[in-house]
Amino acid sequence: MTLGPHLLEFSKVALAAIQSHRSSAILLDMSGVEAIDSAGLGELVILYTAAGQSQCRLALLNPSPHIVRLLETTRLSGLLPHFHGNESAISWIRNAH
């Protein structure tokens, strides 16, 4: 999730999913994300805002330790909850109602 065409494509797909959601919560699987820069963090904030406007909550699933540190350092961890494993994420989704 670094500045470039891949981030733009991710943004389009994620925004479409948020806008057409049929759930009160959306999980972004971050397990394949190895790098994230300020543009990627900014995109996560944009998605968080879009989700809120759609009456939906957004969380990250399986972010790397590096991404978790960045979220904590930038104080975005309060906005973007993150989970390691499906059970805790499913519990969070169930409590979203």
N, C-alpha and C. Protein backbone atom coordinates (compact mmCIF):
# COMPACT_ATOMS: atom_id res chain seq x y z
N MET A 1 0.84 -1.17 0.00
CA MET A 1 0.00 0.00 0.00
C MET A 1 0.88 1.24 0.00
N THR A 2 1.52 1.42 -1.15
CA THR A 2 2.37 2.58 -1.31
C THR A 2 1.89 3.39 -2.51
N LEU A 3 2.29 4.65 -2.54
CA LEU A 3 1.86 5.55 -3.61
C LEU A 3 2.13 4.93 -4.97
N GLY A 4 1.11 4.91 -5.79
CA GLY A 4 1.26 4.36 -7.14
C GLY A 4 -0.06 3.80 -7.64
N PRO A 5 -0.02 3.22 -8.84
CA PRO A 5 -1.26 2.74 -9.47
C PRO A 5 -1.95 1.62 -8.69
N HIS A 6 -1.18 0.79 -7.99
CA HIS A 6 -1.81 -0.29 -7.22
C HIS A 6 -2.66 0.26 -6.08
N LEU A 7 -2.19 1.33 -5.46
CA LEU A 7 -2.95 1.94 -4.37
C LEU A 7 -4.24 2.56 -4.91
N LEU A 8 -4.17 3.17 -6.07
CA LEU A 8 -5.36 3.74 -6.69
C LEU A 8 -6.38 2.66 -7.01
N GLU A 9 -5.92 1.54 -7.53
CA GLU A 9 -6.83 0.43 -7.85
C GLU A 9 -7.44 -0.14 -6.58
N PHE A 10 -6.63 -0.31 -5.55
CA PHE A 10 -7.14 -0.79 -4.26
C PHE A 10 -8.22 0.14 -3.74
N SER A 11 -7.97 1.44 -3.84
CA SER A 11 -8.93 2.43 -3.35
C SER A 11 -10.26 2.31 -4.07
N LYS A 12 -10.23 2.17 -5.38
CA LYS A 12 -11.46 2.04 -6.16
C LYS A 12 -12.26 0.81 -5.73
N VAL A 13 -11.58 -0.31 -5.60
CA VAL A 13 -12.26 -1.56 -5.24
C VAL A 13 -12.81 -1.47 -3.81
N ALA A 14 -12.02 -0.95 -2.89
CA ALA A 14 -12.45 -0.86 -1.49
C ALA A 14 -13.63 0.11 -1.33
N LEU A 15 -13.58 1.25 -2.02
CA LEU A 15 -14.69 2.21 -1.93
C LEU A 15 -15.97 1.61 -2.51
N ALA A 16 -15.84 0.87 -3.60
CA ALA A 16 -17.02 0.22 -4.19
C ALA A 16 -17.61 -0.79 -3.22
N ALA A 17 -16.76 -1.53 -2.54
CA ALA A 17 -17.24 -2.51 -1.55
C ALA A 17 -17.93 -1.82 -0.39
N ILE A 18 -17.38 -0.74 0.07
CA ILE A 18 -17.99 0.00 1.18
C ILE A 18 -19.34 0.57 0.77
N GLN A 19 -19.40 1.16 -0.41
CA GLN A 19 -20.63 1.79 -0.85
C GLN A 19 -21.73 0.78 -1.17
N SER A 20 -21.37 -0.45 -1.48
CA SER A 20 -22.38 -1.45 -1.80
C SER A 20 -22.52 -2.50 -0.69
N HIS A 21 -22.00 -2.19 0.49
CA HIS A 21 -21.99 -3.17 1.57
C HIS A 21 -23.41 -3.57 1.98
N ARG A 22 -23.49 -4.76 2.49
CA ARG A 22 -24.74 -5.26 3.01
C ARG A 22 -24.55 -5.70 4.46
N SER A 23 -23.53 -5.13 5.08
CA SER A 23 -23.18 -5.49 6.44
C SER A 23 -22.89 -4.21 7.22
N SER A 24 -22.89 -4.33 8.52
CA SER A 24 -22.58 -3.17 9.34
C SER A 24 -21.08 -3.06 9.60
N ALA A 25 -20.29 -4.00 9.04
CA ALA A 25 -18.84 -3.98 9.25
C ALA A 25 -18.13 -4.58 8.05
N ILE A 26 -16.95 -4.04 7.76
CA ILE A 26 -16.12 -4.54 6.68
C ILE A 26 -14.72 -4.76 7.22
N LEU A 27 -14.15 -5.91 6.89
CA LEU A 27 -12.78 -6.25 7.27
C LEU A 27 -11.89 -6.17 6.04
N LEU A 28 -10.79 -5.47 6.16
CA LEU A 28 -9.79 -5.44 5.09
C LEU A 28 -8.68 -6.42 5.46
N ASP A 29 -8.53 -7.46 4.68
CA ASP A 29 -7.49 -8.45 4.95
C ASP A 29 -6.14 -7.88 4.53
N MET A 30 -5.31 -7.63 5.49
CA MET A 30 -4.01 -7.00 5.27
C MET A 30 -2.86 -8.02 5.25
N SER A 31 -3.19 -9.30 5.25
CA SER A 31 -2.15 -10.32 5.38
C SER A 31 -1.14 -10.29 4.23
N GLY A 32 -1.54 -9.82 3.06
CA GLY A 32 -0.62 -9.76 1.93
C GLY A 32 0.09 -8.43 1.79
N VAL A 33 -0.17 -7.50 2.69
CA VAL A 33 0.43 -6.17 2.59
C VAL A 33 1.76 -6.16 3.32
N GLU A 34 2.82 -5.96 2.56
CA GLU A 34 4.15 -5.96 3.15
C GLU A 34 4.65 -4.56 3.47
N ALA A 35 4.19 -3.57 2.71
CA ALA A 35 4.67 -2.20 2.91
C ALA A 35 3.50 -1.22 2.85
N ILE A 36 3.63 -0.17 3.64
CA ILE A 36 2.62 0.89 3.62
C ILE A 36 3.35 2.21 3.88
N ASP A 37 2.97 3.24 3.14
CA ASP A 37 3.58 4.55 3.34
C ASP A 37 2.49 5.54 3.74
N SER A 38 2.84 6.83 3.76
CA SER A 38 1.86 7.83 4.19
C SER A 38 0.65 7.86 3.25
N ALA A 39 0.86 7.59 1.98
CA ALA A 39 -0.27 7.55 1.04
C ALA A 39 -1.21 6.40 1.39
N GLY A 40 -0.64 5.26 1.74
CA GLY A 40 -1.45 4.10 2.13
C GLY A 40 -2.20 4.35 3.43
N LEU A 41 -1.53 4.97 4.40
CA LEU A 41 -2.20 5.31 5.65
C LEU A 41 -3.33 6.32 5.39
N GLY A 42 -3.06 7.28 4.52
CA GLY A 42 -4.08 8.26 4.16
C GLY A 42 -5.28 7.60 3.51
N GLU A 43 -5.01 6.61 2.69
CA GLU A 43 -6.10 5.89 2.03
C GLU A 43 -6.94 5.13 3.04
N LEU A 44 -6.32 4.56 4.05
CA LEU A 44 -7.07 3.87 5.10
C LEU A 44 -7.98 4.85 5.84
N VAL A 45 -7.51 6.06 6.06
CA VAL A 45 -8.34 7.09 6.72
C VAL A 45 -9.52 7.46 5.82
N ILE A 46 -9.27 7.60 4.53
CA ILE A 46 -10.36 7.90 3.58
C ILE A 46 -11.40 6.78 3.61
N LEU A 47 -10.95 5.55 3.63
CA LEU A 47 -11.88 4.41 3.67
C LEU A 47 -12.64 4.37 4.98
N TYR A 48 -11.97 4.68 6.08
CA TYR A 48 -12.64 4.76 7.38
C TYR A 48 -13.76 5.80 7.34
N THR A 49 -13.47 6.96 6.77
CA THR A 49 -14.47 8.02 6.67
C THR A 49 -15.63 7.60 5.78
N ALA A 50 -15.33 6.99 4.64
CA ALA A 50 -16.39 6.53 3.73
C ALA A 50 -17.26 5.47 4.39
N ALA A 51 -16.63 4.59 5.16
CA ALA A 51 -17.40 3.56 5.86
C ALA A 51 -18.33 4.20 6.87
N GLY A 52 -17.84 5.16 7.62
CA GLY A 52 -18.68 5.84 8.60
C GLY A 52 -19.86 6.53 7.96
N GLN A 53 -19.64 7.14 6.81
CA GLN A 53 -20.72 7.81 6.09
C GLN A 53 -21.75 6.81 5.56
N SER A 54 -21.34 5.56 5.41
CA SER A 54 -22.25 4.51 4.94
C SER A 54 -22.81 3.69 6.09
N GLN A 55 -22.68 4.24 7.32
CA GLN A 55 -23.19 3.53 8.50
C GLN A 55 -22.54 2.15 8.65
N CYS A 56 -21.25 2.10 8.44
CA CYS A 56 -20.50 0.85 8.46
C CYS A 56 -19.22 1.07 9.25
N ARG A 57 -18.76 0.02 9.91
CA ARG A 57 -17.47 0.10 10.61
C ARG A 57 -16.41 -0.63 9.79
N LEU A 58 -15.18 -0.18 9.92
CA LEU A 58 -14.07 -0.73 9.15
C LEU A 58 -12.98 -1.20 10.10
N ALA A 59 -12.43 -2.37 9.83
CA ALA A 59 -11.32 -2.89 10.64
C ALA A 59 -10.34 -3.62 9.73
N LEU A 60 -9.14 -3.81 10.25
CA LEU A 60 -8.09 -4.49 9.51
C LEU A 60 -7.90 -5.89 10.08
N LEU A 61 -7.72 -6.84 9.19
CA LEU A 61 -7.52 -8.24 9.59
C LEU A 61 -6.08 -8.64 9.26
N ASN A 62 -5.40 -9.18 10.23
CA ASN A 62 -4.05 -9.71 10.08
C ASN A 62 -3.01 -8.73 9.54
N PRO A 63 -2.96 -7.51 10.07
CA PRO A 63 -1.88 -6.61 9.63
C PRO A 63 -0.54 -7.09 10.19
N SER A 64 0.52 -6.81 9.47
CA SER A 64 1.86 -7.20 9.93
C SER A 64 2.22 -6.39 11.18
N PRO A 65 3.19 -6.87 11.95
CA PRO A 65 3.64 -6.10 13.12
C PRO A 65 4.12 -4.70 12.73
N HIS A 66 4.73 -4.57 11.57
CA HIS A 66 5.18 -3.26 11.10
C HIS A 66 4.00 -2.31 10.91
N ILE A 67 2.94 -2.79 10.30
CA ILE A 67 1.76 -1.96 10.07
C ILE A 67 1.09 -1.60 11.40
N VAL A 68 1.04 -2.54 12.33
CA VAL A 68 0.47 -2.26 13.65
C VAL A 68 1.27 -1.16 14.33
N ARG A 69 2.60 -1.22 14.25
CA ARG A 69 3.44 -0.16 14.86
C ARG A 69 3.17 1.19 14.21
N LEU A 70 3.03 1.20 12.89
CA LEU A 70 2.73 2.46 12.20
C LEU A 70 1.37 3.02 12.64
N LEU A 71 0.38 2.15 12.77
CA LEU A 71 -0.93 2.60 13.23
C LEU A 71 -0.85 3.18 14.64
N GLU A 72 -0.08 2.53 15.49
CA GLU A 72 0.07 3.03 16.86
C GLU A 72 0.87 4.33 16.89
N THR A 73 1.94 4.42 16.11
CA THR A 73 2.77 5.62 16.07
C THR A 73 1.99 6.82 15.57
N THR A 74 1.15 6.60 14.56
CA THR A 74 0.37 7.70 13.98
C THR A 74 -0.97 7.90 14.68
N ARG A 75 -1.19 7.12 15.72
CA ARG A 75 -2.43 7.18 16.51
C ARG A 75 -3.67 6.87 15.69
N LEU A 76 -3.50 6.06 14.67
CA LEU A 76 -4.64 5.61 13.87
C LEU A 76 -5.22 4.30 14.40
N SER A 77 -4.54 3.68 15.33
CA SER A 77 -5.05 2.41 15.86
C SER A 77 -6.38 2.60 16.59
N GLY A 78 -6.64 3.80 17.09
CA GLY A 78 -7.93 4.08 17.72
C GLY A 78 -9.06 4.16 16.72
N LEU A 79 -8.75 4.59 15.50
CA LEU A 79 -9.76 4.66 14.44
C LEU A 79 -9.93 3.33 13.75
N LEU A 80 -8.83 2.65 13.54
CA LEU A 80 -8.82 1.43 12.75
C LEU A 80 -8.49 0.23 13.62
N PRO A 81 -9.50 -0.40 14.19
CA PRO A 81 -9.22 -1.59 14.99
C PRO A 81 -8.60 -2.66 14.09
N HIS A 82 -7.77 -3.49 14.68
CA HIS A 82 -7.14 -4.56 13.92
C HIS A 82 -7.22 -5.86 14.70
N PHE A 83 -7.32 -6.95 13.96
CA PHE A 83 -7.49 -8.27 14.56
C PHE A 83 -6.53 -9.25 13.91
N HIS A 84 -6.07 -10.17 14.73
CA HIS A 84 -5.23 -11.26 14.25
C HIS A 84 -6.01 -12.54 14.47
N GLY A 85 -6.62 -13.00 13.42
CA GLY A 85 -7.42 -14.22 13.50
C GLY A 85 -8.89 -13.92 13.30
N ASN A 86 -9.56 -14.89 12.74
CA ASN A 86 -10.96 -14.73 12.38
C ASN A 86 -11.90 -14.66 13.57
N GLU A 87 -11.60 -15.37 14.64
CA GLU A 87 -12.53 -15.42 15.77
C GLU A 87 -12.75 -14.05 16.39
N SER A 88 -11.68 -13.31 16.64
CA SER A 88 -11.85 -11.98 17.24
C SER A 88 -12.52 -11.03 16.26
N ALA A 89 -12.23 -11.16 14.98
CA ALA A 89 -12.87 -10.31 13.97
C ALA A 89 -14.36 -10.62 13.87
N ILE A 90 -14.71 -11.89 13.92
CA ILE A 90 -16.12 -12.27 13.85
C ILE A 90 -16.86 -11.76 15.07
N SER A 91 -16.25 -11.84 16.23
CA SER A 91 -16.87 -11.30 17.44
C SER A 91 -17.10 -9.80 17.30
N TRP A 92 -16.12 -9.07 16.76
CA TRP A 92 -16.24 -7.64 16.55
C TRP A 92 -17.40 -7.33 15.59
N ILE A 93 -17.51 -8.13 14.52
CA ILE A 93 -18.60 -7.92 13.56
C ILE A 93 -19.95 -8.14 14.22
N ARG A 94 -20.06 -9.19 15.00
CA ARG A 94 -21.33 -9.49 15.67
C ARG A 94 -21.74 -8.36 16.63
N ASN A 95 -20.77 -7.72 17.24
CA ASN A 95 -21.05 -6.62 18.16
C ASN A 95 -21.28 -5.30 17.43
N ALA A 96 -21.14 -5.29 16.12
CA ALA A 96 -21.35 -4.06 15.33
C ALA A 96 -22.83 -3.74 15.16
N HIS A 97 -23.67 -4.69 15.45
CA HIS A 97 -25.11 -4.46 15.24
C HIS A 97 -25.72 -3.64 16.35
